[in-house]
């Protein structure tokens, strides 16, 4: 019960708003928890919302190649920014490709 108590007291939207760096929200297009994804995206100072086609809540299991590519892209952004370079795109909502 201690974990549930801690999570229930956490203000995820405030935490996202307080973080100044890039945040990638990766959701499966079939995930029923997506109902509030726009609230989470809007709370981010610099957010990117990625919806992965044909994936449910467990994106990494449903679409492992897409998920791995997205995580690698996020790592590239962090690496480029650490060197003062641009990623070449503005933050925002993006799709994960695939058909």
PDB file of N, CA and C in Angstrom:
ATOM      1  N   UNK A   1       0.803  -1.206   0.000  1.00  0.00           N
ATOM      2  CA  UNK A   1       0.000   0.000   0.000  1.00  0.00           C
ATOM      3  C   UNK A   1       0.845   1.268   0.000  1.00  0.00           C
ATOM      4  N   UNK A   2       2.057   1.224   0.470  1.00  0.00           N
ATOM      5  CA  UNK A   2       2.879   2.427   0.562  1.00  0.00           C
ATOM      6  C   UNK A   2       3.127   3.043  -0.818  1.00  0.00           C
ATOM      7  N   UNK A   3       3.327   2.217  -1.833  1.00  0.00           N
ATOM      8  CA  UNK A   3       3.569   2.728  -3.181  1.00  0.00           C
ATOM      9  C   UNK A   3       2.319   3.438  -3.701  1.00  0.00           C
ATOM     10  N   UNK A   4       1.177   2.826  -3.517  1.00  0.00           N
ATOM     11  CA  UNK A   4      -0.076   3.433  -3.972  1.00  0.00           C
ATOM     12  C   UNK A   4      -0.326   4.755  -3.253  1.00  0.00           C
ATOM     13  N   UNK A   5      -0.038   4.805  -1.961  1.00  0.00           N
ATOM     14  CA  UNK A   5      -0.210   6.049  -1.205  1.00  0.00           C
ATOM     15  C   UNK A   5       0.697   7.146  -1.761  1.00  0.00           C
ATOM     16  N   UNK A   6       1.936   6.821  -2.063  1.00  0.00           N
ATOM     17  CA  UNK A   6       2.881   7.809  -2.586  1.00  0.00           C
ATOM     18  C   UNK A   6       2.441   8.311  -3.965  1.00  0.00           C
ATOM     19  N   UNK A   7       2.019   7.393  -4.809  1.00  0.00           N
ATOM     20  CA  UNK A   7       1.593   7.781  -6.151  1.00  0.00           C
ATOM     21  C   UNK A   7       0.343   8.647  -6.103  1.00  0.00           C
ATOM     22  N   UNK A   8      -0.580   8.313  -5.212  1.00  0.00           N
ATOM     23  CA  UNK A   8      -1.822   9.086  -5.138  1.00  0.00           C
ATOM     24  C   UNK A   8      -1.582  10.516  -4.669  1.00  0.00           C
ATOM     25  N   UNK A   9      -0.490  10.755  -3.961  1.00  0.00           N
ATOM     26  CA  UNK A   9      -0.171  12.106  -3.492  1.00  0.00           C
ATOM     27  C   UNK A   9       0.701  12.881  -4.480  1.00  0.00           C
ATOM     28  N   UNK A  10       1.190  12.217  -5.512  1.00  0.00           N
ATOM     29  CA  UNK A  10       2.076  12.853  -6.487  1.00  0.00           C
ATOM     30  C   UNK A  10       1.261  13.724  -7.437  1.00  0.00           C
ATOM     31  N   UNK A  11       1.755  14.911  -7.723  1.00  0.00           N
ATOM     32  CA  UNK A  11       1.129  15.805  -8.691  1.00  0.00           C
ATOM     33  C   UNK A  11       1.962  15.765  -9.968  1.00  0.00           C
ATOM     34  N   UNK A  12       1.631  14.828 -10.851  1.00  0.00           N
ATOM     35  CA  UNK A  12       2.416  14.613 -12.066  1.00  0.00           C
ATOM     36  C   UNK A  12       2.412  15.841 -12.972  1.00  0.00           C
ATOM     37  N   UNK A  13       1.281  16.530 -13.067  1.00  0.00           N
ATOM     38  CA  UNK A  13       1.219  17.712 -13.926  1.00  0.00           C
ATOM     39  C   UNK A  13       2.139  18.822 -13.418  1.00  0.00           C
ATOM     40  N   UNK A  14       2.160  19.022 -12.118  1.00  0.00           N
ATOM     41  CA  UNK A  14       3.054  20.033 -11.545  1.00  0.00           C
ATOM     42  C   UNK A  14       4.519  19.640 -11.753  1.00  0.00           C
ATOM     43  N   UNK A  15       4.812  18.361 -11.603  1.00  0.00           N
ATOM     44  CA  UNK A  15       6.191  17.885 -11.804  1.00  0.00           C
ATOM     45  C   UNK A  15       6.630  18.099 -13.247  1.00  0.00           C
ATOM     46  N   UNK A  16       5.748  17.814 -14.191  1.00  0.00           N
ATOM     47  CA  UNK A  16       6.082  18.050 -15.594  1.00  0.00           C
ATOM     48  C   UNK A  16       6.288  19.538 -15.862  1.00  0.00           C
ATOM     49  N   UNK A  17       5.452  20.370 -15.297  1.00  0.00           N
ATOM     50  CA  UNK A  17       5.573  21.810 -15.496  1.00  0.00           C
ATOM     51  C   UNK A  17       6.823  22.404 -14.875  1.00  0.00           C
ATOM     52  N   UNK A  18       7.326  21.771 -13.830  1.00  0.00           N
ATOM     53  CA  UNK A  18       8.517  22.270 -13.148  1.00  0.00           C
ATOM     54  C   UNK A  18       9.810  21.845 -13.840  1.00  0.00           C
ATOM     55  N   UNK A  19       9.720  20.838 -14.692  1.00  0.00           N
ATOM     56  CA  UNK A  19      10.932  20.342 -15.366  1.00  0.00           C
ATOM     57  C   UNK A  19      11.200  21.165 -16.621  1.00  0.00           C
ATOM     58  N   UNK A  20      12.384  21.803 -16.734  1.00  0.00           N
ATOM     59  CA  UNK A  20      12.640  22.700 -17.855  1.00  0.00           C
ATOM     60  C   UNK A  20      13.091  22.016 -19.148  1.00  0.00           C
ATOM     61  N   UNK A  21      13.434  20.761 -19.082  1.00  0.00           N
ATOM     62  CA  UNK A  21      13.988  20.074 -20.250  1.00  0.00           C
ATOM     63  C   UNK A  21      12.941  19.404 -21.115  1.00  0.00           C
ATOM     64  N   UNK A  22      13.413  18.727 -22.169  1.00  0.00           N
ATOM     65  CA  UNK A  22      12.494  18.048 -23.074  1.00  0.00           C
ATOM     66  C   UNK A  22      11.858  16.819 -22.423  1.00  0.00           C
ATOM     67  N   UNK A  23      10.576  16.639 -22.673  1.00  0.00           N
ATOM     68  CA  UNK A  23       9.833  15.479 -22.174  1.00  0.00           C
ATOM     69  C   UNK A  23       9.156  14.827 -23.367  1.00  0.00           C
ATOM     70  N   UNK A  24       9.371  13.541 -23.529  1.00  0.00           N
ATOM     71  CA  UNK A  24       8.728  12.785 -24.599  1.00  0.00           C
ATOM     72  C   UNK A  24       7.667  11.899 -23.969  1.00  0.00           C
ATOM     73  N   UNK A  25       6.417  12.135 -24.325  1.00  0.00           N
ATOM     74  CA  UNK A  25       5.297  11.322 -23.862  1.00  0.00           C
ATOM     75  C   UNK A  25       4.989  10.326 -24.975  1.00  0.00           C
ATOM     76  N   UNK A  26       5.230   9.055 -24.725  1.00  0.00           N
ATOM     77  CA  UNK A  26       5.071   8.013 -25.741  1.00  0.00           C
ATOM     78  C   UNK A  26       3.857   7.168 -25.387  1.00  0.00           C
ATOM     79  N   UNK A  27       2.827   7.243 -26.223  1.00  0.00           N
ATOM     80  CA  UNK A  27       1.585   6.524 -25.969  1.00  0.00           C
ATOM     81  C   UNK A  27       1.247   5.617 -27.136  1.00  0.00           C
ATOM     82  N   UNK A  28       0.651   4.487 -26.810  1.00  0.00           N
ATOM     83  CA  UNK A  28       0.098   3.629 -27.847  1.00  0.00           C
ATOM     84  C   UNK A  28      -1.234   4.193 -28.303  1.00  0.00           C
ATOM     85  N   UNK A  29      -1.505   4.157 -29.589  1.00  0.00           N
ATOM     86  CA  UNK A  29      -2.761   4.717 -30.113  1.00  0.00           C
ATOM     87  C   UNK A  29      -3.978   3.960 -29.582  1.00  0.00           C
ATOM     88  N   UNK A  30      -3.784   2.729 -29.129  1.00  0.00           N
ATOM     89  CA  UNK A  30      -4.885   1.928 -28.583  1.00  0.00           C
ATOM     90  C   UNK A  30      -4.903   1.896 -27.058  1.00  0.00           C
ATOM     91  N   UNK A  31      -4.117   2.763 -26.446  1.00  0.00           N
ATOM     92  CA  UNK A  31      -4.037   2.808 -24.978  1.00  0.00           C
ATOM     93  C   UNK A  31      -5.244   3.551 -24.412  1.00  0.00           C
ATOM     94  N   UNK A  32      -6.024   2.893 -23.582  1.00  0.00           N
ATOM     95  CA  UNK A  32      -7.215   3.533 -23.009  1.00  0.00           C
ATOM     96  C   UNK A  32      -6.866   4.602 -21.976  1.00  0.00           C
ATOM     97  N   UNK A  33      -5.593   4.686 -21.549  1.00  0.00           N
ATOM     98  CA  UNK A  33      -5.171   5.721 -20.610  1.00  0.00           C
ATOM     99  C   UNK A  33      -4.860   7.051 -21.308  1.00  0.00           C
ATOM    100  N   UNK A  34      -4.988   7.105 -22.632  1.00  0.00           N
ATOM    101  CA  UNK A  34      -4.671   8.324 -23.385  1.00  0.00           C
ATOM    102  C   UNK A  34      -5.681   9.439 -23.150  1.00  0.00           C
ATOM    103  N   UNK A  35      -6.712   9.194 -22.427  1.00  0.00           N
ATOM    104  CA  UNK A  35      -7.795  10.167 -22.268  1.00  0.00           C
ATOM    105  C   UNK A  35      -7.298  11.541 -21.789  1.00  0.00           C
ATOM    106  N   UNK A  36      -6.227  11.574 -21.011  1.00  0.00           N
ATOM    107  CA  UNK A  36      -5.713  12.847 -20.478  1.00  0.00           C
ATOM    108  C   UNK A  36      -4.343  13.224 -21.056  1.00  0.00           C
ATOM    109  N   UNK A  37      -3.968  12.632 -22.170  1.00  0.00           N
ATOM    110  CA  UNK A  37      -2.635  12.896 -22.709  1.00  0.00           C
ATOM    111  C   UNK A  37      -2.423  14.369 -23.045  1.00  0.00           C
ATOM    112  N   UNK A  38      -3.457  15.061 -23.488  1.00  0.00           N
ATOM    113  CA  UNK A  38      -3.317  16.489 -23.825  1.00  0.00           C
ATOM    114  C   UNK A  38      -3.000  17.322 -22.588  1.00  0.00           C
ATOM    115  N   UNK A  39      -3.578  16.977 -21.444  1.00  0.00           N
ATOM    116  CA  UNK A  39      -3.265  17.680 -20.193  1.00  0.00           C
ATOM    117  C   UNK A  39      -1.790  17.513 -19.843  1.00  0.00           C
ATOM    118  N   UNK A  40      -1.282  16.296 -19.995  1.00  0.00           N
ATOM    119  CA  UNK A  40       0.122  16.039 -19.688  1.00  0.00           C
ATOM    120  C   UNK A  40       1.028  16.773 -20.672  1.00  0.00           C
ATOM    121  N   UNK A  41       0.660  16.740 -21.943  1.00  0.00           N
ATOM    122  CA  UNK A  41       1.441  17.444 -22.961  1.00  0.00           C
ATOM    123  C   UNK A  41       1.455  18.943 -22.694  1.00  0.00           C
ATOM    124  N   UNK A  42       0.303  19.508 -22.404  1.00  0.00           N
ATOM    125  CA  UNK A  42       0.209  20.944 -22.148  1.00  0.00           C
ATOM    126  C   UNK A  42       0.970  21.366 -20.896  1.00  0.00           C
ATOM    127  N   UNK A  43       1.126  20.460 -19.946  1.00  0.00           N
ATOM    128  CA  UNK A  43       1.849  20.777 -18.711  1.00  0.00           C
ATOM    129  C   UNK A  43       3.352  20.866 -18.933  1.00  0.00           C
ATOM    130  N   UNK A  44       3.842  20.255 -19.989  1.00  0.00           N
ATOM    131  CA  UNK A  44       5.291  20.226 -20.249  1.00  0.00           C
ATOM    132  C   UNK A  44       5.782  21.579 -20.751  1.00  0.00           C
ATOM    133  N   UNK A  45       6.930  21.986 -20.250  1.00  0.00           N
ATOM    134  CA  UNK A  45       7.565  23.205 -20.742  1.00  0.00           C
ATOM    135  C   UNK A  45       7.991  22.988 -22.189  1.00  0.00           C
ATOM    136  N   UNK A  46       8.553  21.835 -22.444  1.00  0.00           N
ATOM    137  CA  UNK A  46       9.012  21.485 -23.789  1.00  0.00           C
ATOM    138  C   UNK A  46       8.643  20.023 -24.044  1.00  0.00           C
ATOM    139  N   UNK A  47       7.412  19.808 -24.427  1.00  0.00           N
ATOM    140  CA  UNK A  47       6.918  18.444 -24.579  1.00  0.00           C
ATOM    141  C   UNK A  47       6.829  17.985 -26.008  1.00  0.00           C
ATOM    142  N   UNK A  48       6.867  16.695 -26.142  1.00  0.00           N
ATOM    143  CA  UNK A  48       6.656  16.051 -27.432  1.00  0.00           C
ATOM    144  C   UNK A  48       5.743  14.862 -27.174  1.00  0.00           C
ATOM    145  N   UNK A  49       4.637  14.810 -27.883  1.00  0.00           N
ATOM    146  CA  UNK A  49       3.664  13.739 -27.726  1.00  0.00           C
ATOM    147  C   UNK A  49       3.767  12.817 -28.931  1.00  0.00           C
ATOM    148  N   UNK A  50       4.092  11.565 -28.678  1.00  0.00           N
ATOM    149  CA  UNK A  50       4.261  10.586 -29.748  1.00  0.00           C
ATOM    150  C   UNK A  50       3.217   9.491 -29.567  1.00  0.00           C
ATOM    151  N   UNK A  51       2.406   9.285 -30.584  1.00  0.00           N
ATOM    152  CA  UNK A  51       1.414   8.211 -30.569  1.00  0.00           C
ATOM    153  C   UNK A  51       1.877   7.114 -31.516  1.00  0.00           C
ATOM    154  N   UNK A  52       2.023   5.915 -30.967  1.00  0.00           N
ATOM    155  CA  UNK A  52       2.519   4.774 -31.727  1.00  0.00           C
ATOM    156  C   UNK A  52       1.331   3.958 -32.244  1.00  0.00           C
ATOM    157  N   UNK A  53       1.212   3.826 -33.569  1.00  0.00           N
ATOM    158  CA  UNK A  53       0.098   3.071 -34.140  1.00  0.00           C
ATOM    159  C   UNK A  53       0.111   1.602 -33.706  1.00  0.00           C
ATOM    160  N   UNK A  54      -1.085   1.039 -33.591  1.00  0.00           N
ATOM    161  CA  UNK A  54      -1.265  -0.379 -33.276  1.00  0.00           C
ATOM    162  C   UNK A  54      -0.604  -0.801 -31.975  1.00  0.00           C
ATOM    163  N   UNK A  55      -0.489   0.098 -31.025  1.00  0.00           N
ATOM    164  CA  UNK A  55       0.098  -0.228 -29.724  1.00  0.00           C
ATOM    165  C   UNK A  55      -0.875   0.139 -28.620  1.00  0.00           C
ATOM    166  N   UNK A  56      -0.890  -0.667 -27.584  1.00  0.00           N
ATOM    167  CA  UNK A  56      -1.708  -0.389 -26.417  1.00  0.00           C
ATOM    168  C   UNK A  56      -0.866   0.291 -25.345  1.00  0.00           C
ATOM    169  N   UNK A  57      -1.203   0.034 -24.094  1.00  0.00           N
ATOM    170  CA  UNK A  57      -0.504   0.664 -22.975  1.00  0.00           C
ATOM    171  C   UNK A  57       0.965   0.233 -22.899  1.00  0.00           C
ATOM    172  N   UNK A  58       1.235  -0.994 -23.271  1.00  0.00           N
ATOM    173  CA  UNK A  58       2.606  -1.519 -23.218  1.00  0.00           C
ATOM    174  C   UNK A  58       3.279  -1.336 -24.579  1.00  0.00           C
ATOM    175  N   UNK A  59       3.572  -0.092 -24.918  1.00  0.00           N
ATOM    176  CA  UNK A  59       4.124   0.248 -26.225  1.00  0.00           C
ATOM    177  C   UNK A  59       5.396  -0.534 -26.516  1.00  0.00           C
ATOM    178  N   UNK A  60       6.248  -0.669 -25.532  1.00  0.00           N
ATOM    179  CA  UNK A  60       7.531  -1.345 -25.745  1.00  0.00           C
ATOM    180  C   UNK A  60       7.358  -2.819 -26.097  1.00  0.00           C
ATOM    181  N   UNK A  61       6.249  -3.418 -25.695  1.00  0.00           N
ATOM    182  CA  UNK A  61       5.972  -4.818 -26.039  1.00  0.00           C
ATOM    183  C   UNK A  61       5.177  -4.935 -27.333  1.00  0.00           C
ATOM    184  N   UNK A  62       4.244  -4.010 -27.553  1.00  0.00           N
ATOM    185  CA  UNK A  62       3.398  -4.060 -28.744  1.00  0.00           C
ATOM    186  C   UNK A  62       4.144  -3.662 -30.012  1.00  0.00           C
ATOM    187  N   UNK A  63       5.006  -2.666 -29.901  1.00  0.00           N
ATOM    188  CA  UNK A  63       5.754  -2.140 -31.050  1.00  0.00           C
ATOM    189  C   UNK A  63       7.217  -1.910 -30.645  1.00  0.00           C
ATOM    190  N   UNK A  64       7.962  -2.985 -30.356  1.00  0.00           N
ATOM    191  CA  UNK A  64       9.318  -2.819 -29.823  1.00  0.00           C
ATOM    192  C   UNK A  64      10.279  -2.063 -30.742  1.00  0.00           C
ATOM    193  N   UNK A  65      10.173  -2.269 -32.049  1.00  0.00           N
ATOM    194  CA  UNK A  65      11.081  -1.561 -32.963  1.00  0.00           C
ATOM    195  C   UNK A  65      10.765  -0.068 -32.995  1.00  0.00           C
ATOM    196  N   UNK A  66       9.489   0.271 -33.101  1.00  0.00           N
ATOM    197  CA  UNK A  66       9.095   1.689 -33.075  1.00  0.00           C
ATOM    198  C   UNK A  66       9.508   2.333 -31.756  1.00  0.00           C
ATOM    199  N   UNK A  67       9.226   1.645 -30.655  1.00  0.00           N
ATOM    200  CA  UNK A  67       9.554   2.189 -29.342  1.00  0.00           C
ATOM    201  C   UNK A  67      11.060   2.428 -29.215  1.00  0.00           C
ATOM    202  N   UNK A  68      11.851   1.459 -29.634  1.00  0.00           N
ATOM    203  CA  UNK A  68      13.316   1.600 -29.552  1.00  0.00           C
ATOM    204  C   UNK A  68      13.806   2.766 -30.394  1.00  0.00           C
ATOM    205  N   UNK A  69      13.204   2.951 -31.571  1.00  0.00           N
ATOM    206  CA  UNK A  69      13.595   4.066 -32.436  1.00  0.00           C
ATOM    207  C   UNK A  69      13.262   5.405 -31.776  1.00  0.00           C
ATOM    208  N   UNK A  70      12.098   5.475 -31.151  1.00  0.00           N
ATOM    209  CA  UNK A  70      11.684   6.715 -30.486  1.00  0.00           C
ATOM    210  C   UNK A  70      12.620   7.041 -29.331  1.00  0.00           C
ATOM    211  N   UNK A  71      12.960   6.040 -28.538  1.00  0.00           N
ATOM    212  CA  UNK A  71      13.882   6.263 -27.412  1.00  0.00           C
ATOM    213  C   UNK A  71      15.257   6.675 -27.938  1.00  0.00           C
ATOM    214  N   UNK A  72      15.711   6.057 -29.020  1.00  0.00           N
ATOM    215  CA  UNK A  72      17.004   6.439 -29.620  1.00  0.00           C
ATOM    216  C   UNK A  72      16.947   7.879 -30.129  1.00  0.00           C
ATOM    217  N   UNK A  73      15.814   8.264 -30.727  1.00  0.00           N
ATOM    218  CA  UNK A  73      15.656   9.657 -31.183  1.00  0.00           C
ATOM    219  C   UNK A  73      15.729  10.627 -30.007  1.00  0.00           C
ATOM    220  N   UNK A  74      15.072  10.280 -28.905  1.00  0.00           N
ATOM    221  CA  UNK A  74      15.112  11.135 -27.714  1.00  0.00           C
ATOM    222  C   UNK A  74      16.547  11.248 -27.191  1.00  0.00           C
ATOM    223  N   UNK A  75      17.276  10.148 -27.185  1.00  0.00           N
ATOM    224  CA  UNK A  75      18.679  10.177 -26.737  1.00  0.00           C
ATOM    225  C   UNK A  75      19.517  11.056 -27.664  1.00  0.00           C
ATOM    226  N   UNK A  76      19.251  10.991 -28.963  1.00  0.00           N
ATOM    227  CA  UNK A  76      19.974  11.849 -29.913  1.00  0.00           C
ATOM    228  C   UNK A  76      19.719  13.327 -29.626  1.00  0.00           C
ATOM    229  N   UNK A  77      18.481  13.674 -29.308  1.00  0.00           N
ATOM    230  CA  UNK A  77      18.144  15.067 -28.985  1.00  0.00           C
ATOM    231  C   UNK A  77      18.947  15.527 -27.772  1.00  0.00           C
ATOM    232  N   UNK A  78      18.989  14.707 -26.740  1.00  0.00           N
ATOM    233  CA  UNK A  78      19.745  15.056 -25.532  1.00  0.00           C
ATOM    234  C   UNK A  78      21.225  15.196 -25.866  1.00  0.00           C
ATOM    235  N   UNK A  79      21.747  14.297 -26.651  1.00  0.00           N
ATOM    236  CA  UNK A  79      23.165  14.338 -27.033  1.00  0.00           C
ATOM    237  C   UNK A  79      23.479  15.606 -27.819  1.00  0.00           C
ATOM    238  N   UNK A  80      22.628  15.928 -28.808  1.00  0.00           N
ATOM    239  CA  UNK A  80      22.853  17.130 -29.614  1.00  0.00           C
ATOM    240  C   UNK A  80      22.775  18.398 -28.775  1.00  0.00           C
ATOM    241  N   UNK A  81      21.800  18.447 -27.900  1.00  0.00           N
ATOM    242  CA  UNK A  81      21.653  19.637 -27.051  1.00  0.00           C
ATOM    243  C   UNK A  81      22.822  19.796 -26.098  1.00  0.00           C
ATOM    244  N   UNK A  82      23.359  18.694 -25.647  1.00  0.00           N
ATOM    245  CA  UNK A  82      24.518  18.753 -24.759  1.00  0.00           C
ATOM    246  C   UNK A  82      25.739  19.335 -25.449  1.00  0.00           C
ATOM    247  N   UNK A  83      25.733  19.333 -26.766  1.00  0.00           N
ATOM    248  CA  UNK A  83      26.829  19.879 -27.546  1.00  0.00           C
ATOM    249  C   UNK A  83      26.462  21.214 -28.192  1.00  0.00           C
ATOM    250  N   UNK A  84      25.311  21.764 -27.798  1.00  0.00           N
ATOM    251  CA  UNK A  84      24.905  23.066 -28.312  1.00  0.00           C
ATOM    252  C   UNK A  84      24.397  23.023 -29.743  1.00  0.00           C
ATOM    253  N   UNK A  85      24.005  21.846 -30.227  1.00  0.00           N
ATOM    254  CA  UNK A  85      23.504  21.718 -31.590  1.00  0.00           C
ATOM    255  C   UNK A  85      21.985  21.635 -31.579  1.00  0.00           C
ATOM    256  N   UNK A  86      21.372  21.870 -32.686  1.00  0.00           N
ATOM    257  CA  UNK A  86      19.911  21.810 -32.803  1.00  0.00           C
ATOM    258  C   UNK A  86      19.497  20.460 -33.354  1.00  0.00           C
ATOM    259  N   UNK A  87      18.315  20.015 -32.937  1.00  0.00           N
ATOM    260  CA  UNK A  87      17.775  18.754 -33.448  1.00  0.00           C
ATOM    261  C   UNK A  87      17.093  18.942 -34.788  1.00  0.00           C
ATOM    262  N   UNK A  88      16.870  20.180 -35.186  1.00  0.00           N
ATOM    263  CA  UNK A  88      16.280  20.460 -36.482  1.00  0.00           C
ATOM    264  C   UNK A  88      14.774  20.420 -36.524  1.00  0.00           C
ATOM    265  N   UNK A  89      14.118  20.413 -35.363  1.00  0.00           N
ATOM    266  CA  UNK A  89      12.663  20.405 -35.372  1.00  0.00           C
ATOM    267  C   UNK A  89      12.116  21.029 -34.109  1.00  0.00           C
ATOM    268  N   UNK A  90      10.960  21.579 -34.211  1.00  0.00           N
ATOM    269  CA  UNK A  90      10.317  22.197 -33.072  1.00  0.00           C
ATOM    270  C   UNK A  90       9.579  21.138 -32.247  1.00  0.00           C
ATOM    271  N   UNK A  91       9.462  21.359 -30.943  1.00  0.00           N
ATOM    272  CA  UNK A  91       8.711  20.425 -30.128  1.00  0.00           C
ATOM    273  C   UNK A  91       7.245  20.398 -30.552  1.00  0.00           C
ATOM    274  N   UNK A  92       6.593  19.296 -30.324  1.00  0.00           N
ATOM    275  CA  UNK A  92       5.184  19.221 -30.646  1.00  0.00           C
ATOM    276  C   UNK A  92       4.715  17.793 -30.759  1.00  0.00           C
ATOM    277  N   UNK A  93       3.532  17.643 -31.312  1.00  0.00           N
ATOM    278  CA  UNK A  93       2.956  16.330 -31.467  1.00  0.00           C
ATOM    279  C   UNK A  93       3.477  15.699 -32.746  1.00  0.00           C
ATOM    280  N   UNK A  94       3.883  14.458 -32.632  1.00  0.00           N
ATOM    281  CA  UNK A  94       4.394  13.734 -33.796  1.00  0.00           C
ATOM    282  C   UNK A  94       3.820  12.336 -33.803  1.00  0.00           C
ATOM    283  N   UNK A  95       3.829  11.722 -34.952  1.00  0.00           N
ATOM    284  CA  UNK A  95       3.428  10.329 -35.069  1.00  0.00           C
ATOM    285  C   UNK A  95       4.657   9.449 -35.058  1.00  0.00           C
ATOM    286  N   UNK A  96       4.453   8.164 -34.864  1.00  0.00           N
ATOM    287  CA  UNK A  96       5.583   7.251 -34.794  1.00  0.00           C
ATOM    288  C   UNK A  96       5.781   6.479 -36.078  1.00  0.00           C
ATOM    289  N   UNK A  97       5.033   6.789 -37.093  1.00  0.00           N
ATOM    290  CA  UNK A  97       5.192   6.105 -38.366  1.00  0.00           C
ATOM    291  C   UNK A  97       4.615   4.713 -38.367  1.00  0.00           C
ATOM    292  N   UNK A  98       4.902   4.013 -39.395  1.00  0.00           N
ATOM    293  CA  UNK A  98       4.387   2.650 -39.516  1.00  0.00           C
ATOM    294  C   UNK A  98       3.002   2.651 -40.106  1.00  0.00           C
ATOM    295  N   UNK A  99       2.568   1.491 -40.524  1.00  0.00           N
ATOM    296  CA  UNK A  99       1.214   1.409 -41.076  1.00  0.00           C
ATOM    297  C   UNK A  99       0.457   0.281 -40.456  1.00  0.00           C
TER     298      UNK A  99
END
